[in-house]
C-alpha atoms as a PDB file:
ATOM      1  CA  MET A   1     -32.434 -14.501  15.788  1.00  0.00           C
ATOM      2  CA  CYS A   2     -30.632 -13.335  18.906  1.00  0.00           C
ATOM      3  CA  VAL A   3     -29.692 -15.773  21.655  1.00  0.00           C
ATOM      4  CA  LYS A   4     -29.138 -14.429  25.114  1.00  0.00           C
ATOM      5  CA  ALA A   5     -25.937 -15.708  26.739  1.00  0.00           C
ATOM      6  CA  GLU A   6     -26.407 -17.164  30.160  1.00  0.00           C
ATOM      7  CA  ARG A   7     -24.072 -16.456  32.970  1.00  0.00           C
ATOM      8  CA  ALA A   8     -22.067 -19.408  34.209  1.00  0.00           C
ATOM      9  CA  PRO A   9     -22.871 -20.561  37.717  1.00  0.00           C
ATOM     10  CA  ALA A  10     -20.624 -19.439  40.513  1.00  0.00           C
ATOM     11  CA  PRO A  11     -18.231 -22.147  41.763  1.00  0.00           C
ATOM     12  CA  PRO A  12     -19.375 -23.894  44.937  1.00  0.00           C
ATOM     13  CA  ALA A  13     -18.012 -22.842  48.269  1.00  0.00           C
ATOM     14  CA  GLN A  14     -15.395 -24.950  50.040  1.00  0.00           C
ATOM     15  CA  ALA A  15     -16.660 -27.715  52.239  1.00  0.00           C
ATOM     16  CA  THR A  16     -16.860 -27.275  55.963  1.00  0.00           C
ATOM     17  CA  THR A  17     -15.771 -29.861  58.493  1.00  0.00           C
ATOM     18  CA  GLU A  18     -19.261 -31.097  58.873  1.00  0.00           C
ATOM     19  CA  ASN A  19     -20.156 -31.838  55.290  1.00  0.00           C
ATOM     20  CA  ALA A  20     -16.581 -32.967  54.413  1.00  0.00           C
ATOM     21  CA  ARG A  21     -17.179 -36.196  56.397  1.00  0.00           C
ATOM     22  CA  VAL A  22     -19.612 -37.379  53.760  1.00  0.00           C
ATOM     23  CA  PRO A  23     -17.733 -39.918  51.627  1.00  0.00           C
ATOM     24  CA  THR A  24     -17.530 -39.212  47.893  1.00  0.00           C
ATOM     25  CA  LYS A  25     -18.072 -42.262  45.651  1.00  0.00           C
ATOM     26  CA  VAL A  26     -16.931 -42.160  42.123  1.00  0.00           C
ATOM     27  CA  LYS A  27     -18.222 -44.820  39.709  1.00  0.00           C
ATOM     28  CA  GLY A  28     -16.830 -45.985  36.424  1.00  0.00           C
ATOM     29  CA  ASP A  29     -15.399 -48.994  34.651  1.00  0.00           C
ATOM     30  CA  ALA A  30     -12.114 -49.219  36.551  1.00  0.00           C
ATOM     31  CA  MET A  31     -12.939 -46.949  39.499  1.00  0.00           C
ATOM     32  CA  ASN A  32     -15.323 -47.705  42.261  1.00  0.00           C
ATOM     33  CA  ARG A  33     -13.594 -46.616  45.475  1.00  0.00           C
ATOM     34  CA  THR A  34     -14.982 -44.326  48.211  1.00  0.00           C
ATOM     35  CA  VAL A  35     -12.692 -41.460  49.181  1.00  0.00           C
ATOM     36  CA  ARG A  36     -12.984 -40.542  52.873  1.00  0.00           C
ATOM     37  CA  ILE A  37     -11.248 -38.121  55.238  1.00  0.00           C
ATOM     38  CA  GLY A  38      -8.326 -39.833  56.968  1.00  0.00           C
ATOM     39  CA  GLN A  39      -7.340 -42.256  54.152  1.00  0.00           C
ATOM     40  CA  LEU A  40      -3.708 -42.558  53.164  1.00  0.00           C
ATOM     41  CA  TYR A  41      -2.796 -42.822  49.457  1.00  0.00           C
ATOM     42  CA  ARG A  42       0.465 -43.443  47.539  1.00  0.00           C
ATOM     43  CA  ASP A  43       0.827 -41.374  44.295  1.00  0.00           C
ATOM     44  CA  LEU A  44       1.429 -43.715  41.390  1.00  0.00           C
ATOM     45  CA  ALA A  45       2.374 -41.045  38.848  1.00  0.00           C
ATOM     46  CA  ARG A  46       5.438 -41.903  36.900  1.00  0.00           C
ATOM     47  CA  ASP A  47       7.399 -39.001  38.308  1.00  0.00           C
ATOM     48  CA  MET A  48       6.208 -39.678  41.896  1.00  0.00           C
ATOM     49  CA  ARG A  49       6.999 -43.415  42.207  1.00  0.00           C
ATOM     50  CA  GLU A  50      10.662 -42.790  42.981  1.00  0.00           C
ATOM     51  CA  ARG A  51       9.726 -40.043  45.463  1.00  0.00           C
ATOM     52  CA  ASP A  52       7.311 -42.474  47.302  1.00  0.00           C
ATOM     53  CA  ARG A  53       4.920 -39.567  47.923  1.00  0.00           C
ATOM     54  CA  ARG A  54       2.091 -40.456  50.407  1.00  0.00           C
ATOM     55  CA  LEU A  55      -0.945 -38.238  50.964  1.00  0.00           C
ATOM     56  CA  ARG A  56      -3.506 -38.209  53.713  1.00  0.00           C
ATOM     57  CA  VAL A  57      -6.955 -36.812  52.955  1.00  0.00           C
ATOM     58  CA  MET A  58      -7.712 -33.953  55.374  1.00  0.00           C
ATOM     59  CA  SER A  59     -10.943 -32.625  53.866  1.00  0.00           C
ATOM     60  CA  ILE A  60     -13.116 -33.004  50.844  1.00  0.00           C
ATOM     61  CA  GLY A  61     -14.477 -29.818  49.149  1.00  0.00           C
ATOM     62  CA  ASP A  62     -17.733 -29.302  47.291  1.00  0.00           C
ATOM     63  CA  ASP A  63     -15.628 -28.541  44.168  1.00  0.00           C
ATOM     64  CA  GLY A  64     -14.545 -32.163  43.838  1.00  0.00           C
ATOM     65  CA  ARG A  65     -11.074 -31.583  45.235  1.00  0.00           C
ATOM     66  CA  ALA A  66      -9.515 -33.001  48.424  1.00  0.00           C
ATOM     67  CA  ASP A  67      -6.987 -31.232  50.647  1.00  0.00           C
ATOM     68  CA  CYS A  68      -4.267 -33.715  51.260  1.00  0.00           C
ATOM     69  CA  PHE A  69      -1.347 -33.569  53.708  1.00  0.00           C
ATOM     70  CA  VAL A  70       1.895 -34.920  52.273  1.00  0.00           C
ATOM     71  CA  GLU A  71       3.072 -37.354  54.972  1.00  0.00           C
ATOM     72  CA  HIS A  72       6.041 -38.783  53.125  1.00  0.00           C
ATOM     73  CA  ASP A  73       8.034 -37.543  50.094  1.00  0.00           C
ATOM     74  CA  LEU A  74      11.634 -38.165  49.465  1.00  0.00           C
ATOM     75  CA  ASP A  75      11.848 -34.961  47.335  1.00  0.00           C
ATOM     76  CA  GLY A  76      11.195 -32.715  50.313  1.00  0.00           C
ATOM     77  CA  THR A  77       7.554 -31.657  50.105  1.00  0.00           C
ATOM     78  CA  THR A  78       6.664 -33.565  53.325  1.00  0.00           C
ATOM     79  CA  GLY A  79       4.455 -31.497  55.584  1.00  0.00           C
ATOM     80  CA  LYS A  80       2.807 -29.493  52.892  1.00  0.00           C
ATOM     81  CA  THR A  81      -0.877 -29.524  51.773  1.00  0.00           C
ATOM     82  CA  VAL A  82      -1.911 -30.139  48.202  1.00  0.00           C
ATOM     83  CA  LYS A  83      -5.275 -30.256  46.432  1.00  0.00           C
ATOM     84  CA  ILE A  84      -6.066 -33.434  44.512  1.00  0.00           C
ATOM     85  CA  GLN A  85      -9.085 -34.264  42.430  1.00  0.00           C
ATOM     86  CA  VAL A  86     -11.335 -36.786  44.205  1.00  0.00           C
ATOM     87  CA  ARG A  87     -11.905 -38.619  40.953  1.00  0.00           C
ATOM     88  CA  ALA A  88      -8.137 -39.165  40.699  1.00  0.00           C
ATOM     89  CA  LEU A  89      -7.924 -40.457  44.245  1.00  0.00           C
ATOM     90  CA  ALA A  90     -10.715 -42.899  43.487  1.00  0.00           C
ATOM     91  CA  TYR A  91      -8.888 -44.346  40.498  1.00  0.00           C
ATOM     92  CA  PRO A  92      -6.633 -47.247  41.572  1.00  0.00           C
ATOM     93  CA  GLY A  93      -4.298 -46.696  38.611  1.00  0.00           C
ATOM     94  CA  LYS A  94      -3.409 -43.211  39.847  1.00  0.00           C
ATOM     95  CA  PHE A  95      -3.369 -43.615  43.644  1.00  0.00           C
ATOM     96  CA  GLU A  96      -2.923 -46.690  45.812  1.00  0.00           C
ATOM     97  CA  LEU A  97      -5.000 -46.830  48.972  1.00  0.00           C
ATOM     98  CA  LEU A  98      -2.530 -47.671  51.775  1.00  0.00           C
ATOM     99  CA  GLU A  99      -4.663 -47.080  54.853  1.00  0.00           C
ATOM    100  CA  GLU A 100      -8.391 -46.769  55.482  1.00  0.00           C
ATOM    101  CA  ALA A 101      -9.800 -43.907  57.489  1.00  0.00           C
ATOM    102  CA  SER A 102     -10.813 -46.160  60.376  1.00  0.00           C
ATOM    103  CA  ASN A 103      -7.133 -47.059  60.888  1.00  0.00           C
ATOM    104  CA  SER A 104      -5.968 -43.492  61.278  1.00  0.00           C
ATOM    105  CA  PRO A 105      -4.927 -42.651  64.820  1.00  0.00           C
ATOM    106  CA  THR A 106      -7.143 -40.390  66.906  1.00  0.00           C
ATOM    107  CA  ASP A 107      -4.597 -39.799  69.679  1.00  0.00           C
ATOM    108  CA  PRO A 108      -3.706 -36.047  69.634  1.00  0.00           C
ATOM    109  CA  ARG A 109       0.004 -36.913  70.163  1.00  0.00           C
ATOM    110  CA  PHE A 110       0.021 -38.436  66.677  1.00  0.00           C
ATOM    111  CA  GLY A 111       0.089 -34.966  65.061  1.00  0.00           C
ATOM    112  CA  VAL A 112       3.003 -33.951  67.319  1.00  0.00           C
ATOM    113  CA  LEU A 113       4.858 -37.054  66.385  1.00  0.00           C
ATOM    114  CA  VAL A 114       4.260 -36.654  62.624  1.00  0.00           C
ATOM    115  CA  ALA A 115       5.480 -32.982  62.897  1.00  0.00           C
ATOM    116  CA  ALA A 116       8.667 -34.079  64.645  1.00  0.00           C
ATOM    117  CA  ILE A 117       9.346 -36.794  62.119  1.00  0.00           C
ATOM    118  CA  THR A 118       8.680 -34.394  59.227  1.00  0.00           C
ATOM    119  CA  ALA A 119      11.280 -32.021  60.673  1.00  0.00           C
ATOM    120  CA  VAL A 120      14.099 -34.591  60.399  1.00  0.00           C
ATOM    121  CA  HIS A 121      12.852 -36.371  57.282  1.00  0.00           C
ATOM    122  CA  ARG A 122      15.372 -36.386  54.389  1.00  0.00           C
ATOM    123  CA  PRO A 123      16.838 -39.073  52.122  1.00  0.00           C
ATOM    124  CA  ALA A 124      19.904 -39.499  54.360  1.00  0.00           C
ATOM    125  CA  ALA A 125      17.915 -39.625  57.616  1.00  0.00           C
ATOM    126  CA  THR A 126      18.851 -42.525  59.961  1.00  0.00           C
ATOM    127  CA  PRO A 127      16.594 -44.473  62.262  1.00  0.00           C
ATOM    128  CA  LEU A 128      18.388 -42.785  65.095  1.00  0.00           C
ATOM    129  CA  ASP A 129      17.273 -39.340  63.766  1.00  0.00           C
ATOM    130  CA  TYR A 130      13.662 -40.453  63.825  1.00  0.00           C
ATOM    131  CA  ALA A 131      13.977 -42.031  67.240  1.00  0.00           C
ATOM    132  CA  ARG A 132      15.453 -38.819  68.695  1.00  0.00           C
ATOM    133  CA  ALA A 133      12.768 -36.670  67.085  1.00  0.00           C
ATOM    134  CA  ALA A 134      10.017 -38.998  68.514  1.00  0.00           C
ATOM    135  CA  TRP A 135      11.660 -39.077  71.931  1.00  0.00           C
ATOM    136  CA  ASP A 136      11.914 -35.252  72.081  1.00  0.00           C
ATOM    137  CA  ALA A 137       8.390 -34.792  70.751  1.00  0.00           C
ATOM    138  CA  MET A 138       6.834 -37.096  73.331  1.00  0.00           C
ATOM    139  CA  ASP A 139       8.880 -35.377  76.035  1.00  0.00           C
ATOM    140  CA  LEU A 140      10.381 -38.683  77.230  1.00  0.00           C
ATOM    141  CA  GLY A 141      13.699 -37.199  78.270  1.00  0.00           C
ATOM    142  CA  ASP A 142      13.198 -37.815  81.965  1.00  0.00           C
ATOM    143  CA  THR A 143      11.955 -41.398  81.755  1.00  0.00           C
ATOM    144  CA  ALA A 144      15.502 -42.927  81.219  1.00  0.00           C
ATOM    145  CA  ASP A 145      16.297 -42.414  84.875  1.00  0.00           C
ATOM    146  CA  ARG A 146      13.081 -44.045  86.265  1.00  0.00           C
ATOM    147  CA  ASP A 147      13.225 -47.477  87.796  1.00  0.00           C
ATOM    148  CA  ALA A 148      11.496 -50.199  85.906  1.00  0.00           C
ATOM    149  CA  PRO A 149       8.261 -51.481  87.554  1.00  0.00           C
END
């Protein structure tokens, strides 16, 4: 008897901005967390704990992977985008949820500020480095000469 092989289905297309807003819920014994755009996670992998890598979910694709922006990483990958499985983000043993999506800032200056801080971020960065970067990014250079109200 001859069995006809079936063709594997094509992978789904990437999610658009509209359908990426739909939260993805993963259920299981130890995982029951909704992954949403805007959430901030800390990577708890053994090799990432020392690096203190933090990821913000930027979009969720139909393929079960989330595009995440690396907001903090002591190893130097800050500012890059990585793809993470949504199932892994939903599992508390792999990723710690630090910030809910509703807490993420909507002010457009936030992106400018994060980009400026990312530019000076390194293990030896001082608070003054971050303050100068924020000051320059917010274009506050002329406010020092103003009289206080």
